[in-house]
Amino acid sequence: MNTLRLRLDALRPTDAEMLFDYRSDPVVARFQGWRPASVAEAANFIGRQAGASLDKPGGWFQRAIRLREDGALIGDVGIHLPAEAEGSVEFGISLAPAHQGRGYACEAVGAVFELVFGELGRHRIHASVDPRNLASMAMLRALGMRQEAHHRESLWLHGEWVDDVVFALLASEWRAASAAR
């Protein structure tokens, strides 16, 4: 998938060090469920992703977010098709701190919406976010997502109970917003 400034494609073995660098950065890892302990763990994750497919509901399908101009890895986006919730998709995104605040997350997630609601023909997409992650919540709202729930201290993450805020968007809402643009 390509956008104006980005390319979303497969993670490569050569991405392991960069994936480890930003995913283990405390600024990024604070709000993420997976934090690699080593470059080797990041490489193993990339290896497991080689067999991942959007045709297999139940797992996470991770894509690299790269700058189109030079192919540099700046983040990743995960897409999860739950086996028990036909028509629904969950996603998550991580960006290296040096590339945050430039609109790349909105651009990458917009491409994910196009894939999910277009090619995959899904009905609904949702994301979970820690309410302390104000930038992510602002990005989700900017993309037209609405807050559906706020679960108090519902997740044990990195040694503490954290809240979980759920945002969602329907295909019909995305199409209406796209037509208005």
N, C-alpha and C. Protein backbone atom coordinates (compact mmCIF):
# COMPACT_ATOMS: atom_id res chain seq x y z
N MET A 1 0.85 -1.17 0.00
CA MET A 1 0.00 0.00 0.00
C MET A 1 0.90 1.24 0.00
N ASN A 2 0.55 2.17 -0.83
CA ASN A 2 1.29 3.42 -0.88
C ASN A 2 0.37 4.59 -0.57
N THR A 3 0.94 5.60 0.08
CA THR A 3 0.26 6.86 0.31
C THR A 3 1.14 7.94 -0.31
N LEU A 4 0.79 9.17 -0.10
CA LEU A 4 1.59 10.26 -0.65
C LEU A 4 3.05 10.19 -0.19
N ARG A 5 3.26 9.94 1.10
CA ARG A 5 4.63 9.95 1.64
C ARG A 5 5.12 8.61 2.16
N LEU A 6 4.24 7.62 2.23
CA LEU A 6 4.57 6.36 2.89
C LEU A 6 4.33 5.14 2.02
N ARG A 7 4.98 4.06 2.42
CA ARG A 7 4.73 2.74 1.83
C ARG A 7 4.53 1.77 3.00
N LEU A 8 3.44 1.02 2.97
CA LEU A 8 3.19 0.00 3.98
C LEU A 8 3.44 -1.34 3.31
N ASP A 9 4.41 -2.09 3.82
CA ASP A 9 4.76 -3.37 3.22
C ASP A 9 5.28 -4.32 4.30
N ALA A 10 5.81 -5.44 3.89
CA ALA A 10 6.25 -6.46 4.83
C ALA A 10 7.48 -6.01 5.61
N LEU A 11 7.53 -6.43 6.88
CA LEU A 11 8.75 -6.25 7.66
C LEU A 11 9.80 -7.19 7.09
N ARG A 12 11.05 -6.73 7.09
CA ARG A 12 12.16 -7.50 6.53
C ARG A 12 13.16 -7.86 7.64
N PRO A 13 13.92 -8.93 7.46
CA PRO A 13 14.94 -9.26 8.46
C PRO A 13 15.87 -8.09 8.77
N THR A 14 16.17 -7.27 7.78
CA THR A 14 17.05 -6.12 7.99
C THR A 14 16.40 -5.02 8.84
N ASP A 15 15.10 -5.14 9.12
CA ASP A 15 14.39 -4.16 9.95
C ASP A 15 14.52 -4.44 11.45
N ALA A 16 15.08 -5.57 11.82
CA ALA A 16 15.07 -6.00 13.22
C ALA A 16 15.67 -4.96 14.17
N GLU A 17 16.80 -4.39 13.83
CA GLU A 17 17.44 -3.43 14.73
C GLU A 17 16.60 -2.17 14.91
N MET A 18 16.06 -1.65 13.82
CA MET A 18 15.24 -0.44 13.91
C MET A 18 13.93 -0.74 14.65
N LEU A 19 13.32 -1.89 14.37
CA LEU A 19 12.09 -2.29 15.07
C LEU A 19 12.36 -2.36 16.57
N PHE A 20 13.47 -2.98 16.95
CA PHE A 20 13.84 -3.05 18.36
C PHE A 20 14.06 -1.65 18.93
N ASP A 21 14.76 -0.80 18.20
CA ASP A 21 15.09 0.54 18.70
C ASP A 21 13.84 1.33 19.08
N TYR A 22 12.86 1.42 18.17
CA TYR A 22 11.71 2.25 18.52
C TYR A 22 10.70 1.51 19.39
N ARG A 23 10.55 0.20 19.23
CA ARG A 23 9.58 -0.53 20.05
C ARG A 23 10.04 -0.66 21.50
N SER A 24 11.34 -0.61 21.75
CA SER A 24 11.84 -0.68 23.12
C SER A 24 12.06 0.70 23.73
N ASP A 25 11.90 1.75 22.95
CA ASP A 25 12.02 3.12 23.46
C ASP A 25 10.91 3.34 24.49
N PRO A 26 11.23 3.84 25.68
CA PRO A 26 10.20 4.03 26.72
C PRO A 26 9.03 4.90 26.28
N VAL A 27 9.27 5.86 25.40
CA VAL A 27 8.19 6.74 24.92
C VAL A 27 7.16 5.93 24.13
N VAL A 28 7.62 4.98 23.33
CA VAL A 28 6.75 4.14 22.52
C VAL A 28 6.21 2.97 23.34
N ALA A 29 7.10 2.31 24.06
CA ALA A 29 6.74 1.08 24.77
C ALA A 29 5.71 1.31 25.89
N ARG A 30 5.65 2.50 26.41
CA ARG A 30 4.73 2.79 27.52
C ARG A 30 3.29 2.39 27.18
N PHE A 31 2.90 2.58 25.93
CA PHE A 31 1.51 2.34 25.54
C PHE A 31 1.33 1.09 24.67
N GLN A 32 2.37 0.28 24.55
CA GLN A 32 2.31 -0.91 23.69
C GLN A 32 2.30 -2.18 24.51
N GLY A 33 1.58 -3.17 24.04
CA GLY A 33 1.54 -4.46 24.71
C GLY A 33 2.78 -5.29 24.45
N TRP A 34 3.45 -5.08 23.32
CA TRP A 34 4.65 -5.85 23.00
C TRP A 34 5.85 -4.94 22.95
N ARG A 35 6.85 -5.29 23.75
CA ARG A 35 8.12 -4.57 23.79
C ARG A 35 9.21 -5.62 23.64
N PRO A 36 9.94 -5.65 22.53
CA PRO A 36 10.97 -6.68 22.37
C PRO A 36 12.10 -6.48 23.38
N ALA A 37 12.60 -7.59 23.93
CA ALA A 37 13.68 -7.53 24.91
C ALA A 37 15.05 -7.45 24.24
N SER A 38 15.11 -7.78 22.94
CA SER A 38 16.40 -7.79 22.24
C SER A 38 16.17 -7.67 20.73
N VAL A 39 17.23 -7.41 20.02
CA VAL A 39 17.16 -7.40 18.55
C VAL A 39 16.78 -8.79 18.05
N ALA A 40 17.28 -9.83 18.72
CA ALA A 40 16.94 -11.20 18.33
C ALA A 40 15.44 -11.46 18.46
N GLU A 41 14.82 -10.95 19.52
CA GLU A 41 13.37 -11.12 19.67
C GLU A 41 12.63 -10.37 18.57
N ALA A 42 13.10 -9.19 18.22
CA ALA A 42 12.49 -8.44 17.11
C ALA A 42 12.65 -9.22 15.80
N ALA A 43 13.81 -9.83 15.59
CA ALA A 43 14.05 -10.63 14.38
C ALA A 43 13.13 -11.85 14.35
N ASN A 44 12.92 -12.50 15.50
CA ASN A 44 12.00 -13.64 15.57
C ASN A 44 10.58 -13.21 15.24
N PHE A 45 10.17 -12.05 15.75
CA PHE A 45 8.84 -11.52 15.44
C PHE A 45 8.69 -11.32 13.93
N ILE A 46 9.70 -10.72 13.32
CA ILE A 46 9.67 -10.50 11.86
C ILE A 46 9.58 -11.84 11.13
N GLY A 47 10.33 -12.82 11.59
CA GLY A 47 10.29 -14.15 10.97
C GLY A 47 8.91 -14.78 11.05
N ARG A 48 8.26 -14.64 12.19
CA ARG A 48 6.90 -15.18 12.34
C ARG A 48 5.90 -14.45 11.45
N GLN A 49 6.12 -13.18 11.23
CA GLN A 49 5.22 -12.40 10.39
C GLN A 49 5.31 -12.81 8.93
N ALA A 50 6.40 -13.43 8.53
CA ALA A 50 6.56 -13.85 7.13
C ALA A 50 5.44 -14.79 6.71
N GLY A 51 4.89 -15.55 7.65
CA GLY A 51 3.80 -16.47 7.33
C GLY A 51 2.42 -15.92 7.63
N ALA A 52 2.35 -14.69 8.13
CA ALA A 52 1.05 -14.10 8.50
C ALA A 52 0.29 -13.67 7.25
N SER A 53 -1.02 -13.77 7.32
CA SER A 53 -1.86 -13.41 6.18
C SER A 53 -3.19 -12.87 6.67
N LEU A 54 -3.70 -11.91 5.93
CA LEU A 54 -5.03 -11.39 6.25
C LEU A 54 -6.13 -12.40 5.94
N ASP A 55 -5.78 -13.50 5.30
CA ASP A 55 -6.73 -14.56 5.01
C ASP A 55 -6.93 -15.49 6.20
N LYS A 56 -6.13 -15.30 7.25
CA LYS A 56 -6.20 -16.17 8.43
C LYS A 56 -6.67 -15.38 9.63
N PRO A 57 -7.98 -15.33 9.89
CA PRO A 57 -8.48 -14.62 11.06
C PRO A 57 -7.91 -15.19 12.35
N GLY A 58 -7.74 -14.32 13.33
CA GLY A 58 -7.27 -14.74 14.63
C GLY A 58 -5.92 -14.17 15.03
N GLY A 59 -5.04 -13.91 14.08
CA GLY A 59 -3.72 -13.40 14.41
C GLY A 59 -3.56 -11.94 14.03
N TRP A 60 -2.42 -11.41 14.36
CA TRP A 60 -2.08 -10.04 13.99
C TRP A 60 -1.23 -10.07 12.72
N PHE A 61 -1.55 -9.19 11.81
CA PHE A 61 -0.85 -9.03 10.53
C PHE A 61 -0.13 -7.68 10.62
N GLN A 62 1.19 -7.71 10.75
CA GLN A 62 1.96 -6.49 10.97
C GLN A 62 2.59 -6.02 9.67
N ARG A 63 2.48 -4.73 9.40
CA ARG A 63 3.08 -4.14 8.21
C ARG A 63 4.05 -3.04 8.62
N ALA A 64 5.14 -2.95 7.89
CA ALA A 64 6.11 -1.88 8.10
C ALA A 64 5.54 -0.58 7.56
N ILE A 65 5.86 0.51 8.22
CA ILE A 65 5.56 1.85 7.70
C ILE A 65 6.91 2.44 7.29
N ARG A 66 7.04 2.72 6.00
CA ARG A 66 8.31 3.22 5.47
C ARG A 66 8.10 4.56 4.76
N LEU A 67 9.14 5.39 4.78
CA LEU A 67 9.13 6.60 3.97
C LEU A 67 9.27 6.18 2.51
N ARG A 68 8.44 6.72 1.66
CA ARG A 68 8.52 6.37 0.23
C ARG A 68 9.82 6.84 -0.39
N GLU A 69 10.32 8.00 0.06
CA GLU A 69 11.50 8.59 -0.57
C GLU A 69 12.76 7.72 -0.44
N ASP A 70 12.92 7.03 0.70
CA ASP A 70 14.14 6.24 0.87
C ASP A 70 13.92 4.84 1.46
N GLY A 71 12.67 4.48 1.73
CA GLY A 71 12.36 3.15 2.26
C GLY A 71 12.69 2.95 3.72
N ALA A 72 13.06 4.02 4.43
CA ALA A 72 13.42 3.89 5.84
C ALA A 72 12.21 3.46 6.67
N LEU A 73 12.43 2.50 7.57
CA LEU A 73 11.40 2.04 8.48
C LEU A 73 11.19 3.11 9.55
N ILE A 74 9.94 3.57 9.69
CA ILE A 74 9.64 4.58 10.72
C ILE A 74 8.60 4.10 11.72
N GLY A 75 8.01 2.93 11.48
CA GLY A 75 7.01 2.41 12.39
C GLY A 75 6.37 1.15 11.84
N ASP A 76 5.31 0.74 12.51
CA ASP A 76 4.57 -0.44 12.05
C ASP A 76 3.12 -0.31 12.44
N VAL A 77 2.29 -1.00 11.69
CA VAL A 77 0.85 -1.02 11.95
C VAL A 77 0.40 -2.48 11.95
N GLY A 78 -0.40 -2.81 12.95
CA GLY A 78 -0.91 -4.17 13.06
C GLY A 78 -2.39 -4.20 12.77
N ILE A 79 -2.81 -5.24 12.07
CA ILE A 79 -4.21 -5.44 11.73
C ILE A 79 -4.61 -6.81 12.26
N HIS A 80 -5.71 -6.85 13.01
CA HIS A 80 -6.17 -8.09 13.61
C HIS A 80 -7.60 -8.36 13.19
N LEU A 81 -7.83 -9.50 12.56
CA LEU A 81 -9.17 -9.93 12.19
C LEU A 81 -9.60 -10.98 13.20
N PRO A 82 -10.35 -10.58 14.23
CA PRO A 82 -10.75 -11.56 15.24
C PRO A 82 -11.58 -12.68 14.62
N ALA A 83 -11.28 -13.91 14.99
CA ALA A 83 -12.01 -15.07 14.46
C ALA A 83 -13.47 -15.05 14.89
N GLU A 84 -13.74 -14.47 16.07
CA GLU A 84 -15.09 -14.52 16.62
C GLU A 84 -15.95 -13.33 16.22
N ALA A 85 -15.41 -12.34 15.56
CA ALA A 85 -16.18 -11.12 15.25
C ALA A 85 -16.12 -10.84 13.75
N GLU A 86 -16.86 -11.60 12.99
CA GLU A 86 -16.86 -11.43 11.54
C GLU A 86 -17.27 -10.01 11.16
N GLY A 87 -16.53 -9.43 10.24
CA GLY A 87 -16.84 -8.08 9.78
C GLY A 87 -16.11 -7.00 10.55
N SER A 88 -15.49 -7.37 11.67
CA SER A 88 -14.81 -6.39 12.52
C SER A 88 -13.30 -6.56 12.41
N VAL A 89 -12.58 -5.46 12.56
CA VAL A 89 -11.13 -5.45 12.48
C VAL A 89 -10.60 -4.56 13.60
N GLU A 90 -9.51 -4.97 14.21
CA GLU A 90 -8.82 -4.14 15.19
C GLU A 90 -7.48 -3.73 14.59
N PHE A 91 -6.98 -2.57 14.97
CA PHE A 91 -5.66 -2.16 14.50
C PHE A 91 -4.91 -1.45 15.62
N GLY A 92 -3.60 -1.39 15.45
CA GLY A 92 -2.72 -0.65 16.34
C GLY A 92 -1.55 -0.11 15.54
N ILE A 93 -0.95 0.96 16.02
CA ILE A 93 0.14 1.59 15.29
C ILE A 93 1.22 2.03 16.25
N SER A 94 2.46 1.94 15.80
CA SER A 94 3.63 2.42 16.54
C SER A 94 4.50 3.20 15.58
N LEU A 95 4.97 4.36 16.04
CA LEU A 95 5.90 5.16 15.24
C LEU A 95 7.13 5.49 16.07
N ALA A 96 8.28 5.49 15.42
CA ALA A 96 9.51 5.92 16.08
C ALA A 96 9.34 7.37 16.53
N PRO A 97 9.81 7.72 17.73
CA PRO A 97 9.63 9.08 18.24
C PRO A 97 10.11 10.17 17.28
N ALA A 98 11.18 9.94 16.55
CA ALA A 98 11.69 10.96 15.62
C ALA A 98 10.72 11.27 14.49
N HIS A 99 9.74 10.40 14.27
CA HIS A 99 8.80 10.58 13.16
C HIS A 99 7.38 10.88 13.63
N GLN A 100 7.21 11.08 14.92
CA GLN A 100 5.89 11.42 15.46
C GLN A 100 5.62 12.91 15.26
N GLY A 101 4.34 13.25 15.21
CA GLY A 101 3.96 14.65 15.09
C GLY A 101 4.05 15.23 13.70
N ARG A 102 4.17 14.40 12.67
CA ARG A 102 4.29 14.85 11.28
C ARG A 102 3.13 14.41 10.40
N GLY A 103 2.12 13.79 11.01
CA GLY A 103 0.97 13.32 10.25
C GLY A 103 1.13 11.95 9.63
N TYR A 104 2.26 11.28 9.88
CA TYR A 104 2.48 9.96 9.30
C TYR A 104 1.48 8.93 9.83
N ALA A 105 1.15 9.01 11.12
CA ALA A 105 0.20 8.04 11.69
C ALA A 105 -1.16 8.16 11.01
N CYS A 106 -1.65 9.39 10.85
CA CYS A 106 -2.94 9.59 10.16
C CYS A 106 -2.89 9.03 8.74
N GLU A 107 -1.80 9.29 8.07
CA GLU A 107 -1.65 8.83 6.68
C GLU A 107 -1.63 7.30 6.61
N ALA A 108 -0.89 6.66 7.51
CA ALA A 108 -0.81 5.20 7.51
C ALA A 108 -2.15 4.57 7.88
N VAL A 109 -2.80 5.11 8.91
CA VAL A 109 -4.09 4.56 9.34
C VAL A 109 -5.15 4.80 8.27
N GLY A 110 -5.11 5.92 7.59
CA GLY A 110 -6.03 6.15 6.47
C GLY A 110 -5.88 5.08 5.41
N ALA A 111 -4.64 4.66 5.13
CA ALA A 111 -4.41 3.57 4.17
C ALA A 111 -4.98 2.25 4.69
N VAL A 112 -4.86 2.02 5.99
CA VAL A 112 -5.43 0.81 6.59
C VAL A 112 -6.95 0.84 6.43
N PHE A 113 -7.58 2.00 6.66
CA PHE A 113 -9.03 2.11 6.49
C PHE A 113 -9.43 1.78 5.06
N GLU A 114 -8.67 2.30 4.10
CA GLU A 114 -8.97 2.01 2.68
C GLU A 114 -8.90 0.50 2.42
N LEU A 115 -7.89 -0.16 2.97
CA LEU A 115 -7.75 -1.61 2.81
C LEU A 115 -8.92 -2.35 3.48
N VAL A 116 -9.18 -2.01 4.73
CA VAL A 116 -10.20 -2.72 5.52
C VAL A 116 -11.59 -2.54 4.93
N PHE A 117 -11.94 -1.30 4.58
CA PHE A 117 -13.29 -1.04 4.09
C PHE A 117 -13.42 -1.25 2.59
N GLY A 118 -12.31 -1.20 1.86
CA GLY A 118 -12.33 -1.41 0.42
C GLY A 118 -12.09 -2.87 0.07
N GLU A 119 -10.83 -3.21 -0.05
CA GLU A 119 -10.43 -4.55 -0.50
C GLU A 119 -10.98 -5.67 0.38
N LEU A 120 -10.94 -5.49 1.71
CA LEU A 120 -11.41 -6.55 2.61
C LEU A 120 -12.92 -6.52 2.83
N GLY A 121 -13.56 -5.40 2.50
CA GLY A 121 -15.01 -5.30 2.62
C GLY A 121 -15.54 -5.48 4.03
N ARG A 122 -14.78 -5.03 5.02
CA ARG A 122 -15.20 -5.17 6.42
C ARG A 122 -16.19 -4.08 6.82
N HIS A 123 -16.92 -4.35 7.88
CA HIS A 123 -18.00 -3.47 8.34
C HIS A 123 -17.55 -2.43 9.37
N ARG A 124 -16.58 -2.81 10.22
CA ARG A 124 -16.22 -1.97 11.37
C ARG A 124 -14.75 -2.14 11.69
N ILE A 125 -14.13 -1.05 12.16
CA ILE A 125 -12.74 -1.11 12.63
C ILE A 125 -12.68 -0.43 13.99
N HIS A 126 -11.83 -0.96 14.85
CA HIS A 126 -11.70 -0.35 16.18
C HIS A 126 -10.25 -0.41 16.65
N ALA A 127 -9.97 0.43 17.64
CA ALA A 127 -8.65 0.49 18.25
C ALA A 127 -8.80 0.74 19.73
N SER A 128 -7.88 0.21 20.51
CA SER A 128 -7.83 0.45 21.94
C SER A 128 -6.64 1.34 22.24
N VAL A 129 -6.83 2.29 23.14
CA VAL A 129 -5.75 3.22 23.46
C VAL A 129 -5.79 3.57 24.94
N ASP A 130 -4.63 3.74 25.50
CA ASP A 130 -4.51 4.22 26.88
C ASP A 130 -4.88 5.71 26.86
N PRO A 131 -5.81 6.16 27.71
CA PRO A 131 -6.25 7.55 27.66
C PRO A 131 -5.15 8.56 27.99
N ARG A 132 -4.02 8.10 28.52
CA ARG A 132 -2.90 9.01 28.74
C ARG A 132 -2.17 9.32 27.44
N ASN A 133 -2.46 8.53 26.41
CA ASN A 133 -1.84 8.73 25.10
C ASN A 133 -2.68 9.75 24.31
N LEU A 134 -2.57 10.98 24.69
CA LEU A 134 -3.41 12.05 24.13
C LEU A 134 -3.21 12.22 22.63
N ALA A 135 -1.98 12.06 22.15
CA ALA A 135 -1.72 12.23 20.72
C ALA A 135 -2.45 11.16 19.90
N SER A 136 -2.44 9.93 20.37
CA SER A 136 -3.15 8.86 19.65
C SER A 136 -4.65 9.10 19.66
N MET A 137 -5.18 9.53 20.79
CA MET A 137 -6.62 9.80 20.85
C MET A 137 -6.99 10.94 19.90
N ALA A 138 -6.17 11.96 19.82
CA ALA A 138 -6.44 13.08 18.90
C ALA A 138 -6.38 12.60 17.46
N MET A 139 -5.42 11.73 17.14
CA MET A 139 -5.30 11.19 15.78
C MET A 139 -6.53 10.38 15.41
N LEU A 140 -7.00 9.53 16.31
CA LEU A 140 -8.18 8.71 16.02
C LEU A 140 -9.41 9.58 15.79
N ARG A 141 -9.57 10.60 16.60
CA ARG A 141 -10.70 11.52 16.41
C ARG A 141 -10.57 12.26 15.08
N ALA A 142 -9.36 12.68 14.73
CA ALA A 142 -9.14 13.39 13.47
C ALA A 142 -9.50 12.53 12.26
N LEU A 143 -9.38 11.22 12.42
CA LEU A 143 -9.73 10.29 11.34
C LEU A 143 -11.22 9.94 11.32
N GLY A 144 -11.98 10.55 12.23
CA GLY A 144 -13.42 10.33 12.24
C GLY A 144 -13.88 9.22 13.16
N MET A 145 -12.95 8.64 13.93
CA MET A 145 -13.35 7.59 14.86
C MET A 145 -14.04 8.22 16.07
N ARG A 146 -14.95 7.46 16.65
CA ARG A 146 -15.66 7.94 17.84
C ARG A 146 -15.31 7.04 19.01
N GLN A 147 -15.29 7.65 20.19
CA GLN A 147 -15.04 6.88 21.40
C GLN A 147 -16.30 6.11 21.76
N GLU A 148 -16.16 4.80 21.92
CA GLU A 148 -17.30 3.94 22.26
C GLU A 148 -17.29 3.48 23.70
N ALA A 149 -16.12 3.41 24.30
CA ALA A 149 -16.05 2.88 25.66
C ALA A 149 -14.81 3.41 26.37
N HIS A 150 -14.90 3.42 27.68
CA HIS A 150 -13.75 3.73 28.54
C HIS A 150 -13.80 2.74 29.69
N HIS A 151 -12.92 1.75 29.62
CA HIS A 151 -12.86 0.70 30.63
C HIS A 151 -11.82 1.09 31.67
N ARG A 152 -12.24 1.26 32.90
CA ARG A 152 -11.36 1.70 33.98
C ARG A 152 -10.49 0.54 34.47
N GLU A 153 -9.19 0.80 34.54
CA GLU A 153 -8.21 -0.15 35.06
C GLU A 153 -8.51 -1.58 34.62
N SER A 154 -8.68 -1.76 33.33
CA SER A 154 -9.09 -3.06 32.78
C SER A 154 -7.94 -3.89 32.24
N LEU A 155 -6.75 -3.31 32.11
CA LEU A 155 -5.60 -4.03 31.56
C LEU A 155 -4.41 -3.93 32.51
N TRP A 156 -3.74 -5.05 32.72
CA TRP A 156 -2.50 -5.05 33.48
C TRP A 156 -1.38 -4.93 32.46
N LEU A 157 -0.69 -3.79 32.46
CA LEU A 157 0.31 -3.50 31.44
C LEU A 157 1.54 -2.89 32.09
N HIS A 158 2.68 -3.51 31.89
CA HIS A 158 3.96 -3.01 32.40
C HIS A 158 3.91 -2.73 33.90
N GLY A 159 3.29 -3.64 34.64
CA GLY A 159 3.29 -3.55 36.08
C GLY A 159 2.27 -2.63 36.71
N GLU A 160 1.27 -2.22 35.95
CA GLU A 160 0.23 -1.35 36.51
C GLU A 160 -1.10 -1.60 35.82
N TRP A 161 -2.18 -1.31 36.54
CA TRP A 161 -3.51 -1.37 35.94
C TRP A 161 -3.73 -0.08 35.16
N VAL A 162 -4.15 -0.23 33.89
CA VAL A 162 -4.37 0.93 33.03
C VAL A 162 -5.78 0.91 32.46
N ASP A 163 -6.26 2.09 32.14
CA ASP A 163 -7.55 2.21 31.48
C ASP A 163 -7.41 1.85 30.01
N ASP A 164 -8.51 1.50 29.39
CA ASP A 164 -8.54 1.16 27.97
C ASP A 164 -9.72 1.90 27.34
N VAL A 165 -9.42 2.77 26.39
CA VAL A 165 -10.46 3.52 25.68
C VAL A 165 -10.59 2.92 24.29
N VAL A 166 -11.82 2.60 23.89
CA VAL A 166 -12.07 1.98 22.59
C VAL A 166 -12.68 3.01 21.64
N PHE A 167 -12.06 3.13 20.47
CA PHE A 167 -12.55 3.98 19.40
C PHE A 167 -12.98 3.08 18.24
N ALA A 168 -13.99 3.50 17.49
CA ALA A 168 -14.45 2.68 16.37
C ALA A 168 -14.95 3.55 15.23
N LEU A 169 -15.04 2.93 14.06
CA LEU A 169 -15.53 3.58 12.86
C LEU A 169 -16.20 2.52 12.00
N LEU A 170 -17.36 2.86 11.43
CA LEU A 170 -18.06 1.95 10.52
C LEU A 170 -17.68 2.27 9.08
N ALA A 171 -17.80 1.29 8.23
CA ALA A 171 -17.51 1.50 6.80
C ALA A 171 -18.38 2.61 6.23
N SER A 172 -19.64 2.64 6.61
CA SER A 172 -20.55 3.67 6.09
C SER A 172 -20.11 5.07 6.53
N GLU A 173 -19.58 5.19 7.74
CA GLU A 173 -19.09 6.48 8.22
C GLU A 173 -17.84 6.90 7.45
N TRP A 174 -16.95 5.94 7.17
CA TRP A 174 -15.73 6.24 6.42
C TRP A 174 -16.07 6.68 4.99
N ARG A 175 -17.01 5.97 4.37
CA ARG A 175 -17.41 6.33 2.99
C ARG A 175 -18.04 7.72 2.96
N ALA A 176 -18.90 8.03 3.93
CA ALA A 176 -19.55 9.36 3.98
C ALA A 176 -18.50 10.45 4.18
N ALA A 177 -17.54 10.22 5.06
CA ALA A 177 -16.48 11.20 5.29
C ALA A 177 -15.60 11.37 4.06
N SER A 178 -15.30 10.25 3.38
CA SER A 178 -14.48 10.31 2.17
C SER A 178 -15.18 11.08 1.06
N ALA A 179 -16.49 10.89 0.93
CA ALA A 179 -17.26 11.61 -0.10
C ALA A 179 -17.30 13.10 0.18
N ALA A 180 -17.30 13.47 1.45
CA ALA A 180 -17.34 14.88 1.83
C ALA A 180 -16.00 15.59 1.61
N ARG A 181 -14.91 14.83 1.54
CA ARG A 181 -13.58 15.44 1.36
C ARG A 181 -13.36 15.86 -0.07
